[in-house]
Amino acid sequence: MRKMQIILLKELKNGWKKANQRDKGGMMKIETIANDEREIERIEIFTQHSCDIISYSKRDGYTKIIPYHENGEMSPIVWFAIVKADIVVSRVNSKYVQCIDYC
């Protein structure tokens, strides 16, 4: 598990955000929140099972909140990696995120 977290963190740092370019056919790739260069301060998540709202914030000790793409069934899906002291402590699917605050 720890090895997988380190690999994920390295891939996030190496630029999954570079999708805002034209492909070989000249078509512009669709921009998503994962392409946004702004730093995320806090996200709020709505949990389906308990109907609660969970907040991940830098004030709570999380060092980074990084959006990235992960392959879905038909297209890439945006996920958020919640990082605390260079360890991915949680991953959140973007469909559960209801609020994003930027620095």
PDB file of N, CA and C in Angstrom:
ATOM      1  N   MET A   1       0.819  -1.192   0.000  1.00  0.00           N
ATOM      2  CA  MET A   1       0.000   0.000   0.000  1.00  0.00           C
ATOM      3  C   MET A   1       0.865   1.259   0.000  1.00  0.00           C
ATOM      4  N   ARG A   2       1.889   1.269   0.861  1.00  0.00           N
ATOM      5  CA  ARG A   2       2.777   2.431   0.960  1.00  0.00           C
ATOM      6  C   ARG A   2       3.502   2.664  -0.373  1.00  0.00           C
ATOM      7  N   LYS A   3       3.962   1.570  -1.031  1.00  0.00           N
ATOM      8  CA  LYS A   3       4.670   1.689  -2.303  1.00  0.00           C
ATOM      9  C   LYS A   3       3.757   2.288  -3.371  1.00  0.00           C
ATOM     10  N   MET A   4       2.479   1.882  -3.380  1.00  0.00           N
ATOM     11  CA  MET A   4       1.522   2.412  -4.338  1.00  0.00           C
ATOM     12  C   MET A   4       1.285   3.910  -4.112  1.00  0.00           C
ATOM     13  N   GLN A   5       1.257   4.330  -2.831  1.00  0.00           N
ATOM     14  CA  GLN A   5       1.076   5.742  -2.520  1.00  0.00           C
ATOM     15  C   GLN A   5       2.255   6.572  -3.010  1.00  0.00           C
ATOM     16  N   ILE A   6       3.456   6.044  -2.858  1.00  0.00           N
ATOM     17  CA  ILE A   6       4.654   6.759  -3.314  1.00  0.00           C
ATOM     18  C   ILE A   6       4.638   6.899  -4.832  1.00  0.00           C
ATOM     19  N   ILE A   7       4.262   5.836  -5.537  1.00  0.00           N
ATOM     20  CA  ILE A   7       4.184   5.887  -6.999  1.00  0.00           C
ATOM     21  C   ILE A   7       3.139   6.903  -7.436  1.00  0.00           C
ATOM     22  N   LEU A   8       1.966   6.895  -6.794  1.00  0.00           N
ATOM     23  CA  LEU A   8       0.906   7.842  -7.122  1.00  0.00           C
ATOM     24  C   LEU A   8       1.381   9.271  -6.904  1.00  0.00           C
ATOM     25  N   LEU A   9       2.053   9.525  -5.791  1.00  0.00           N
ATOM     26  CA  LEU A   9       2.537  10.872  -5.497  1.00  0.00           C
ATOM     27  C   LEU A   9       3.568  11.324  -6.523  1.00  0.00           C
ATOM     28  N   LYS A  10       4.465  10.428  -6.958  1.00  0.00           N
ATOM     29  CA  LYS A  10       5.462  10.778  -7.974  1.00  0.00           C
ATOM     30  C   LYS A  10       4.789  11.109  -9.304  1.00  0.00           C
ATOM     31  N   GLU A  11       3.782  10.323  -9.678  1.00  0.00           N
ATOM     32  CA  GLU A  11       3.084  10.581 -10.934  1.00  0.00           C
ATOM     33  C   GLU A  11       2.340  11.902 -10.880  1.00  0.00           C
ATOM     34  N   LEU A  12       1.774  12.233  -9.732  1.00  0.00           N
ATOM     35  CA  LEU A  12       1.072  13.509  -9.585  1.00  0.00           C
ATOM     36  C   LEU A  12       2.047  14.676  -9.718  1.00  0.00           C
ATOM     37  N   LYS A  13       3.217  14.523  -9.118  1.00  0.00           N
ATOM     38  CA  LYS A  13       4.221  15.587  -9.186  1.00  0.00           C
ATOM     39  C   LYS A  13       4.806  15.734 -10.586  1.00  0.00           C
ATOM     40  N   ASN A  14       4.849  14.640 -11.365  1.00  0.00           N
ATOM     41  CA  ASN A  14       5.468  14.669 -12.690  1.00  0.00           C
ATOM     42  C   ASN A  14       4.554  15.163 -13.789  1.00  0.00           C
ATOM     43  N   GLY A  15       3.393  15.644 -13.462  1.00  0.00           N
ATOM     44  CA  GLY A  15       2.638  16.376 -14.450  1.00  0.00           C
ATOM     45  C   GLY A  15       1.475  15.711 -15.127  1.00  0.00           C
ATOM     46  N   TRP A  16       0.573  15.174 -14.389  1.00  0.00           N
ATOM     47  CA  TRP A  16      -0.674  14.740 -15.004  1.00  0.00           C
ATOM     48  C   TRP A  16      -1.508  15.946 -15.396  1.00  0.00           C
ATOM     49  N   LYS A  17      -1.080  17.132 -15.008  1.00  0.00           N
ATOM     50  CA  LYS A  17      -1.827  18.349 -15.305  1.00  0.00           C
ATOM     51  C   LYS A  17      -1.497  18.911 -16.685  1.00  0.00           C
ATOM     52  N   LYS A  18      -0.694  18.244 -17.478  1.00  0.00           N
ATOM     53  CA  LYS A  18      -0.258  18.774 -18.764  1.00  0.00           C
ATOM     54  C   LYS A  18      -1.166  18.354 -19.912  1.00  0.00           C
ATOM     55  N   ALA A  19      -2.434  18.173 -19.647  1.00  0.00           N
ATOM     56  CA  ALA A  19      -3.360  17.709 -20.687  1.00  0.00           C
ATOM     57  C   ALA A  19      -3.929  18.846 -21.524  1.00  0.00           C
ATOM     58  N   ASN A  20      -3.597  20.085 -21.201  1.00  0.00           N
ATOM     59  CA  ASN A  20      -4.140  21.222 -21.929  1.00  0.00           C
ATOM     60  C   ASN A  20      -3.297  21.497 -23.176  1.00  0.00           C
ATOM     61  N   GLN A  21      -3.236  20.539 -24.062  1.00  0.00           N
ATOM     62  CA  GLN A  21      -2.475  20.669 -25.298  1.00  0.00           C
ATOM     63  C   GLN A  21      -3.305  20.082 -26.425  1.00  0.00           C
ATOM     64  N   ARG A  22      -2.869  20.341 -27.648  1.00  0.00           N
ATOM     65  CA  ARG A  22      -3.568  19.761 -28.792  1.00  0.00           C
ATOM     66  C   ARG A  22      -3.042  18.355 -29.055  1.00  0.00           C
ATOM     67  N   ASP A  23      -3.957  17.470 -29.442  1.00  0.00           N
ATOM     68  CA  ASP A  23      -3.516  16.122 -29.761  1.00  0.00           C
ATOM     69  C   ASP A  23      -2.985  16.079 -31.189  1.00  0.00           C
ATOM     70  N   LYS A  24      -2.631  14.902 -31.693  1.00  0.00           N
ATOM     71  CA  LYS A  24      -2.010  14.766 -33.011  1.00  0.00           C
ATOM     72  C   LYS A  24      -2.920  15.227 -34.139  1.00  0.00           C
ATOM     73  N   GLY A  25      -4.222  15.116 -33.947  1.00  0.00           N
ATOM     74  CA  GLY A  25      -5.168  15.541 -34.976  1.00  0.00           C
ATOM     75  C   GLY A  25      -5.486  17.028 -34.940  1.00  0.00           C
ATOM     76  N   GLY A  26      -4.895  17.753 -33.997  1.00  0.00           N
ATOM     77  CA  GLY A  26      -5.131  19.187 -33.895  1.00  0.00           C
ATOM     78  C   GLY A  26      -6.321  19.559 -33.021  1.00  0.00           C
ATOM     79  N   MET A  27      -6.991  18.555 -32.457  1.00  0.00           N
ATOM     80  CA  MET A  27      -8.135  18.830 -31.600  1.00  0.00           C
ATOM     81  C   MET A  27      -7.657  19.250 -30.216  1.00  0.00           C
ATOM     82  N   MET A  28      -8.353  20.217 -29.623  1.00  0.00           N
ATOM     83  CA  MET A  28      -8.007  20.671 -28.287  1.00  0.00           C
ATOM     84  C   MET A  28      -8.562  19.681 -27.270  1.00  0.00           C
ATOM     85  N   LYS A  29      -7.741  19.274 -26.334  1.00  0.00           N
ATOM     86  CA  LYS A  29      -8.212  18.376 -25.294  1.00  0.00           C
ATOM     87  C   LYS A  29      -9.105  19.158 -24.330  1.00  0.00           C
ATOM     88  N   ILE A  30     -10.080  18.481 -23.791  1.00  0.00           N
ATOM     89  CA  ILE A  30     -11.022  19.127 -22.881  1.00  0.00           C
ATOM     90  C   ILE A  30     -10.339  19.404 -21.552  1.00  0.00           C
ATOM     91  N   GLU A  31     -10.486  20.627 -21.071  1.00  0.00           N
ATOM     92  CA  GLU A  31      -9.907  20.990 -19.787  1.00  0.00           C
ATOM     93  C   GLU A  31     -10.824  20.542 -18.661  1.00  0.00           C
ATOM     94  N   THR A  32     -10.235  20.073 -17.592  1.00  0.00           N
ATOM     95  CA  THR A  32     -10.981  19.704 -16.397  1.00  0.00           C
ATOM     96  C   THR A  32     -10.347  20.397 -15.207  1.00  0.00           C
ATOM     97  N   ILE A  33     -10.904  20.160 -14.054  1.00  0.00           N
ATOM     98  CA  ILE A  33     -10.356  20.766 -12.845  1.00  0.00           C
ATOM     99  C   ILE A  33      -8.931  20.271 -12.573  1.00  0.00           C
ATOM    100  N   ALA A  34      -8.589  19.106 -13.094  1.00  0.00           N
ATOM    101  CA  ALA A  34      -7.235  18.585 -12.914  1.00  0.00           C
ATOM    102  C   ALA A  34      -6.206  19.420 -13.675  1.00  0.00           C
ATOM    103  N   ASN A  35      -6.643  20.203 -14.643  1.00  0.00           N
ATOM    104  CA  ASN A  35      -5.736  21.062 -15.405  1.00  0.00           C
ATOM    105  C   ASN A  35      -5.576  22.444 -14.776  1.00  0.00           C
ATOM    106  N   ASP A  36      -6.364  22.739 -13.774  1.00  0.00           N
ATOM    107  CA  ASP A  36      -6.300  24.047 -13.124  1.00  0.00           C
ATOM    108  C   ASP A  36      -5.028  24.137 -12.295  1.00  0.00           C
ATOM    109  N   GLU A  37      -4.266  25.190 -12.488  1.00  0.00           N
ATOM    110  CA  GLU A  37      -2.976  25.343 -11.811  1.00  0.00           C
ATOM    111  C   GLU A  37      -3.094  25.947 -10.409  1.00  0.00           C
ATOM    112  N   ARG A  38      -4.285  26.421 -10.037  1.00  0.00           N
ATOM    113  CA  ARG A  38      -4.432  27.041  -8.716  1.00  0.00           C
ATOM    114  C   ARG A  38      -4.313  26.000  -7.612  1.00  0.00           C
ATOM    115  N   GLU A  39      -3.819  26.449  -6.463  1.00  0.00           N
ATOM    116  CA  GLU A  39      -3.652  25.558  -5.322  1.00  0.00           C
ATOM    117  C   GLU A  39      -4.969  25.469  -4.556  1.00  0.00           C
ATOM    118  N   ILE A  40      -5.364  24.258  -4.210  1.00  0.00           N
ATOM    119  CA  ILE A  40      -6.626  24.047  -3.501  1.00  0.00           C
ATOM    120  C   ILE A  40      -6.393  24.144  -2.004  1.00  0.00           C
ATOM    121  N   GLU A  41      -7.196  24.958  -1.359  1.00  0.00           N
ATOM    122  CA  GLU A  41      -7.114  25.162   0.090  1.00  0.00           C
ATOM    123  C   GLU A  41      -7.978  24.135   0.836  1.00  0.00           C
ATOM    124  N   ARG A  42      -9.205  23.869   0.311  1.00  0.00           N
ATOM    125  CA  ARG A  42     -10.156  23.013   1.023  1.00  0.00           C
ATOM    126  C   ARG A  42     -11.171  22.436   0.048  1.00  0.00           C
ATOM    127  N   ILE A  43     -11.595  21.200   0.312  1.00  0.00           N
ATOM    128  CA  ILE A  43     -12.723  20.628  -0.430  1.00  0.00           C
ATOM    129  C   ILE A  43     -13.726  20.069   0.569  1.00  0.00           C
ATOM    130  N   GLU A  44     -14.993  20.111   0.187  1.00  0.00           N
ATOM    131  CA  GLU A  44     -16.057  19.521   0.991  1.00  0.00           C
ATOM    132  C   GLU A  44     -16.661  18.365   0.215  1.00  0.00           C
ATOM    133  N   ILE A  45     -16.915  17.273   0.914  1.00  0.00           N
ATOM    134  CA  ILE A  45     -17.422  16.060   0.289  1.00  0.00           C
ATOM    135  C   ILE A  45     -18.739  15.677   0.943  1.00  0.00           C
ATOM    136  N   PHE A  46     -19.710  15.348   0.118  1.00  0.00           N
ATOM    137  CA  PHE A  46     -20.983  14.849   0.611  1.00  0.00           C
ATOM    138  C   PHE A  46     -20.934  13.329   0.586  1.00  0.00           C
ATOM    139  N   THR A  47     -21.148  12.709   1.726  1.00  0.00           N
ATOM    140  CA  THR A  47     -21.120  11.249   1.791  1.00  0.00           C
ATOM    141  C   THR A  47     -22.536  10.715   1.618  1.00  0.00           C
ATOM    142  N   GLN A  48     -22.676   9.776   0.712  1.00  0.00           N
ATOM    143  CA  GLN A  48     -23.987   9.217   0.406  1.00  0.00           C
ATOM    144  C   GLN A  48     -24.553   8.386   1.550  1.00  0.00           C
ATOM    145  N   HIS A  49     -23.712   7.619   2.197  1.00  0.00           N
ATOM    146  CA  HIS A  49     -24.195   6.651   3.167  1.00  0.00           C
ATOM    147  C   HIS A  49     -24.661   7.286   4.470  1.00  0.00           C
ATOM    148  N   SER A  50     -23.956   8.304   4.931  1.00  0.00           N
ATOM    149  CA  SER A  50     -24.326   8.895   6.215  1.00  0.00           C
ATOM    150  C   SER A  50     -24.923  10.296   6.078  1.00  0.00           C
ATOM    151  N   CYS A  51     -24.999  10.800   4.856  1.00  0.00           N
ATOM    152  CA  CYS A  51     -25.538  12.146   4.597  1.00  0.00           C
ATOM    153  C   CYS A  51     -24.804  13.225   5.380  1.00  0.00           C
ATOM    154  N   ASP A  52     -23.510  13.036   5.586  1.00  0.00           N
ATOM    155  CA  ASP A  52     -22.674  14.020   6.270  1.00  0.00           C
ATOM    156  C   ASP A  52     -21.838  14.778   5.259  1.00  0.00           C
ATOM    157  N   ILE A  53     -21.292  15.898   5.686  1.00  0.00           N
ATOM    158  CA  ILE A  53     -20.350  16.646   4.874  1.00  0.00           C
ATOM    159  C   ILE A  53     -18.989  16.568   5.556  1.00  0.00           C
ATOM    160  N   ILE A  54     -18.003  16.075   4.810  1.00  0.00           N
ATOM    161  CA  ILE A  54     -16.642  15.967   5.327  1.00  0.00           C
ATOM    162  C   ILE A  54     -15.803  17.044   4.654  1.00  0.00           C
ATOM    163  N   SER A  55     -14.962  17.711   5.436  1.00  0.00           N
ATOM    164  CA  SER A  55     -14.114  18.767   4.907  1.00  0.00           C
ATOM    165  C   SER A  55     -12.648  18.381   5.069  1.00  0.00           C
ATOM    166  N   TYR A  56     -11.881  18.507   3.988  1.00  0.00           N
ATOM    167  CA  TYR A  56     -10.428  18.347   4.027  1.00  0.00           C
ATOM    168  C   TYR A  56      -9.823  19.718   3.792  1.00  0.00           C
ATOM    169  N   SER A  57      -9.048  20.208   4.751  1.00  0.00           N
ATOM    170  CA  SER A  57      -8.522  21.568   4.666  1.00  0.00           C
ATOM    171  C   SER A  57      -7.057  21.600   5.075  1.00  0.00           C
ATOM    172  N   LYS A  58      -6.336  22.589   4.546  1.00  0.00           N
ATOM    173  CA  LYS A  58      -4.943  22.766   4.951  1.00  0.00           C
ATOM    174  C   LYS A  58      -4.858  23.167   6.424  1.00  0.00           C
ATOM    175  N   ARG A  59      -5.904  23.797   6.938  1.00  0.00           N
ATOM    176  CA  ARG A  59      -5.929  24.164   8.356  1.00  0.00           C
ATOM    177  C   ARG A  59      -5.971  22.938   9.260  1.00  0.00           C
ATOM    178  N   ASP A  60      -6.457  21.835   8.732  1.00  0.00           N
ATOM    179  CA  ASP A  60      -6.545  20.592   9.505  1.00  0.00           C
ATOM    180  C   ASP A  60      -5.268  19.758   9.424  1.00  0.00           C
ATOM    181  N   GLY A  61      -4.234  20.293   8.780  1.00  0.00           N
ATOM    182  CA  GLY A  61      -2.950  19.602   8.716  1.00  0.00           C
ATOM    183  C   GLY A  61      -2.666  18.869   7.417  1.00  0.00           C
ATOM    184  N   TYR A  62      -3.587  18.913   6.466  1.00  0.00           N
ATOM    185  CA  TYR A  62      -3.335  18.288   5.169  1.00  0.00           C
ATOM    186  C   TYR A  62      -2.440  19.222   4.358  1.00  0.00           C
ATOM    187  N   THR A  63      -1.370  18.674   3.771  1.00  0.00           N
ATOM    188  CA  THR A  63      -0.393  19.532   3.096  1.00  0.00           C
ATOM    189  C   THR A  63      -0.789  19.884   1.673  1.00  0.00           C
ATOM    190  N   LYS A  64      -1.446  18.947   0.960  1.00  0.00           N
ATOM    191  CA  LYS A  64      -1.841  19.196  -0.428  1.00  0.00           C
ATOM    192  C   LYS A  64      -3.153  18.501  -0.730  1.00  0.00           C
ATOM    193  N   ILE A  65      -3.904  19.095  -1.624  1.00  0.00           N
ATOM    194  CA  ILE A  65      -5.079  18.466  -2.214  1.00  0.00           C
ATOM    195  C   ILE A  65      -4.866  18.546  -3.716  1.00  0.00           C
ATOM    196  N   ILE A  66      -4.623  17.395  -4.340  1.00  0.00           N
ATOM    197  CA  ILE A  66      -4.195  17.369  -5.735  1.00  0.00           C
ATOM    198  C   ILE A  66      -5.258  16.694  -6.607  1.00  0.00           C
ATOM    199  N   PRO A  67      -5.822  17.413  -7.577  1.00  0.00           N
ATOM    200  CA  PRO A  67      -6.729  16.755  -8.524  1.00  0.00           C
ATOM    201  C   PRO A  67      -5.927  16.043  -9.616  1.00  0.00           C
ATOM    202  N   TYR A  68      -6.415  14.887 -10.041  1.00  0.00           N
ATOM    203  CA  TYR A  68      -5.730  14.140 -11.105  1.00  0.00           C
ATOM    204  C   TYR A  68      -6.748  13.279 -11.844  1.00  0.00           C
ATOM    205  N   HIS A  69      -6.361  12.788 -13.015  1.00  0.00           N
ATOM    206  CA  HIS A  69      -7.222  11.910 -13.805  1.00  0.00           C
ATOM    207  C   HIS A  69      -6.901  10.450 -13.517  1.00  0.00           C
ATOM    208  N   GLU A  70      -7.946   9.640 -13.473  1.00  0.00           N
ATOM    209  CA  GLU A  70      -7.786   8.198 -13.371  1.00  0.00           C
ATOM    210  C   GLU A  70      -8.717   7.589 -14.407  1.00  0.00           C
ATOM    211  N   ASN A  71      -8.284   6.535 -15.064  1.00  0.00           N
ATOM    212  CA  ASN A  71      -9.097   5.935 -16.116  1.00  0.00           C
ATOM    213  C   ASN A  71     -10.402   5.393 -15.569  1.00  0.00           C
ATOM    214  N   GLY A  72     -11.483   5.767 -16.244  1.00  0.00           N
ATOM    215  CA  GLY A  72     -12.806   5.243 -15.914  1.00  0.00           C
ATOM    216  C   GLY A  72     -13.231   4.257 -16.986  1.00  0.00           C
ATOM    217  N   GLU A  73     -14.484   3.871 -16.960  1.00  0.00           N
ATOM    218  CA  GLU A  73     -14.973   2.899 -17.928  1.00  0.00           C
ATOM    219  C   GLU A  73     -15.008   3.486 -19.332  1.00  0.00           C
ATOM    220  N   MET A  74     -15.449   4.717 -19.469  1.00  0.00           N
ATOM    221  CA  MET A  74     -15.569   5.347 -20.783  1.00  0.00           C
ATOM    222  C   MET A  74     -14.629   6.537 -20.982  1.00  0.00           C
ATOM    223  N   SER A  75     -14.218   7.185 -19.901  1.00  0.00           N
ATOM    224  CA  SER A  75     -13.394   8.376 -20.012  1.00  0.00           C
ATOM    225  C   SER A  75     -12.630   8.590 -18.701  1.00  0.00           C
ATOM    226  N   PRO A  76     -11.642   9.481 -18.723  1.00  0.00           N
ATOM    227  CA  PRO A  76     -10.921   9.766 -17.480  1.00  0.00           C
ATOM    228  C   PRO A  76     -11.851  10.422 -16.455  1.00  0.00           C
ATOM    229  N   ILE A  77     -11.676  10.055 -15.205  1.00  0.00           N
ATOM    230  CA  ILE A  77     -12.466  10.612 -14.106  1.00  0.00           C
ATOM    231  C   ILE A  77     -11.519  11.386 -13.205  1.00  0.00           C
ATOM    232  N   VAL A  78     -11.968  12.539 -12.752  1.00  0.00           N
ATOM    233  CA  VAL A  78     -11.148  13.353 -11.853  1.00  0.00           C
ATOM    234  C   VAL A  78     -11.289  12.834 -10.423  1.00  0.00           C
ATOM    235  N   TRP A  79     -10.160  12.608  -9.792  1.00  0.00           N
ATOM    236  CA  TRP A  79     -10.086  12.228  -8.390  1.00  0.00           C
ATOM    237  C   TRP A  79      -9.257  13.276  -7.664  1.00  0.00           C
ATOM    238  N   PHE A  80      -9.367  13.325  -6.356  1.00  0.00           N
ATOM    239  CA  PHE A  80      -8.565  14.210  -5.537  1.00  0.00           C
ATOM    240  C   PHE A  80      -7.730  13.358  -4.584  1.00  0.00           C
ATOM    241  N   ALA A  81      -6.426  13.607  -4.562  1.00  0.00           N
ATOM    242  CA  ALA A  81      -5.537  12.945  -3.605  1.00  0.00           C
ATOM    243  C   ALA A  81      -5.367  13.894  -2.423  1.00  0.00           C
ATOM    244  N   ILE A  82      -5.660  13.407  -1.234  1.00  0.00           N
ATOM    245  CA  ILE A  82      -5.502  14.188  -0.011  1.00  0.00           C
ATOM    246  C   ILE A  82      -4.168  13.764   0.606  1.00  0.00           C
ATOM    247  N   VAL A  83      -3.230  14.702   0.679  1.00  0.00           N
ATOM    248  CA  VAL A  83      -1.850  14.397   1.085  1.00  0.00           C
ATOM    249  C   VAL A  83      -1.559  15.027   2.434  1.00  0.00           C
ATOM    250  N   LYS A  84      -0.942  14.246   3.300  1.00  0.00           N
ATOM    251  CA  LYS A  84      -0.504  14.737   4.612  1.00  0.00           C
ATOM    252  C   LYS A  84       0.924  14.249   4.826  1.00  0.00           C
ATOM    253  N   ALA A  85       1.866  15.170   4.877  1.00  0.00           N
ATOM    254  CA  ALA A  85       3.288  14.845   5.080  1.00  0.00           C
ATOM    255  C   ALA A  85       3.797  13.846   4.040  1.00  0.00           C
ATOM    256  N   ASP A  86       3.543  14.122   2.764  1.00  0.00           N
ATOM    257  CA  ASP A  86       3.985  13.303   1.628  1.00  0.00           C
ATOM    258  C   ASP A  86       3.416  11.886   1.618  1.00  0.00           C
ATOM    259  N   ILE A  87       2.288  11.679   2.275  1.00  0.00           N
ATOM    260  CA  ILE A  87       1.591  10.391   2.244  1.00  0.00           C
ATOM    261  C   ILE A  87       0.157  10.647   1.785  1.00  0.00           C
ATOM    262  N   VAL A  88      -0.296   9.889   0.794  1.00  0.00           N
ATOM    263  CA  VAL A  88      -1.678  10.008   0.342  1.00  0.00           C
ATOM    264  C   VAL A  88      -2.555   9.317   1.380  1.00  0.00           C
ATOM    265  N   VAL A  89      -3.305  10.115   2.143  1.00  0.00           N
ATOM    266  CA  VAL A  89      -4.124   9.547   3.216  1.00  0.00           C
ATOM    267  C   VAL A  89      -5.532   9.215   2.745  1.00  0.00           C
ATOM    268  N   SER A  90      -5.957   9.837   1.648  1.00  0.00           N
ATOM    269  CA  SER A  90      -7.290   9.564   1.130  1.00  0.00           C
ATOM    270  C   SER A  90      -7.354   9.940  -0.340  1.00  0.00           C
ATOM    271  N   ARG A  91      -8.259   9.266  -1.064  1.00  0.00           N
ATOM    272  CA  ARG A  91      -8.549   9.624  -2.443  1.00  0.00           C
ATOM    273  C   ARG A  91     -10.055   9.799  -2.535  1.00  0.00           C
ATOM    274  N   VAL A  92     -10.492  10.852  -3.229  1.00  0.00           N
ATOM    275  CA  VAL A  92     -11.912  11.174  -3.296  1.00  0.00           C
ATOM    276  C   VAL A  92     -12.327  11.327  -4.752  1.00  0.00           C
ATOM    277  N   ASN A  93     -13.390  10.644  -5.135  1.00  0.00           N
ATOM    278  CA  ASN A  93     -13.955  10.795  -6.473  1.00  0.00           C
ATOM    279  C   ASN A  93     -14.619  12.165  -6.569  1.00  0.00           C
ATOM    280  N   SER A  94     -14.438  12.838  -7.691  1.00  0.00           N
ATOM    281  CA  SER A  94     -14.952  14.202  -7.837  1.00  0.00           C
ATOM    282  C   SER A  94     -16.476  14.279  -7.813  1.00  0.00           C
ATOM    283  N   LYS A  95     -17.160  13.161  -8.047  1.00  0.00           N
ATOM    284  CA  LYS A  95     -18.614  13.218  -8.042  1.00  0.00           C
ATOM    285  C   LYS A  95     -19.179  13.477  -6.652  1.00  0.00           C
ATOM    286  N   TYR A  96     -18.370  13.263  -5.598  1.00  0.00           N
ATOM    287  CA  TYR A  96     -18.805  13.520  -4.238  1.00  0.00           C
ATOM    288  C   TYR A  96     -18.398  14.907  -3.731  1.00  0.00           C
ATOM    289  N   VAL A  97     -17.592  15.643  -4.485  1.00  0.00           N
ATOM    290  CA  VAL A  97     -17.111  16.950  -4.042  1.00  0.00           C
ATOM    291  C   VAL A  97     -18.186  17.999  -4.347  1.00  0.00           C
ATOM    292  N   GLN A  98     -18.553  18.742  -3.318  1.00  0.00           N
ATOM    293  CA  GLN A  98     -19.573  19.761  -3.519  1.00  0.00           C
ATOM    294  C   GLN A  98     -19.019  21.172  -3.434  1.00  0.00           C
ATOM    295  N   CYS A  99     -17.823  21.348  -2.877  1.00  0.00           N
ATOM    296  CA  CYS A  99     -17.265  22.695  -2.748  1.00  0.00           C
ATOM    297  C   CYS A  99     -15.740  22.624  -2.816  1.00  0.00           C
ATOM    298  N   ILE A 100     -15.148  23.560  -3.562  1.00  0.00           N
ATOM    299  CA  ILE A 100     -13.691  23.662  -3.650  1.00  0.00           C
ATOM    300  C   ILE A 100     -13.298  25.092  -3.359  1.00  0.00           C
ATOM    301  N   ASP A 101     -12.409  25.280  -2.389  1.00  0.00           N
ATOM    302  CA  ASP A 101     -11.884  26.616  -2.074  1.00  0.00           C
ATOM    303  C   ASP A 101     -10.421  26.660  -2.492  1.00  0.00           C
ATOM    304  N   TYR A 102     -10.062  27.746  -3.171  1.00  0.00           N
ATOM    305  CA  TYR A 102      -8.682  27.924  -3.628  1.00  0.00           C
ATOM    306  C   TYR A 102      -7.955  28.915  -2.735  1.00  0.00           C
ATOM    307  N   CYS A 103      -6.618  28.818  -2.703  1.00  0.00           N
ATOM    308  CA  CYS A 103      -5.789  29.750  -1.925  1.00  0.00           C
ATOM    309  C   CYS A 103      -5.849  31.144  -2.503  1.00  0.00           C
TER     310      CYS A 103
END
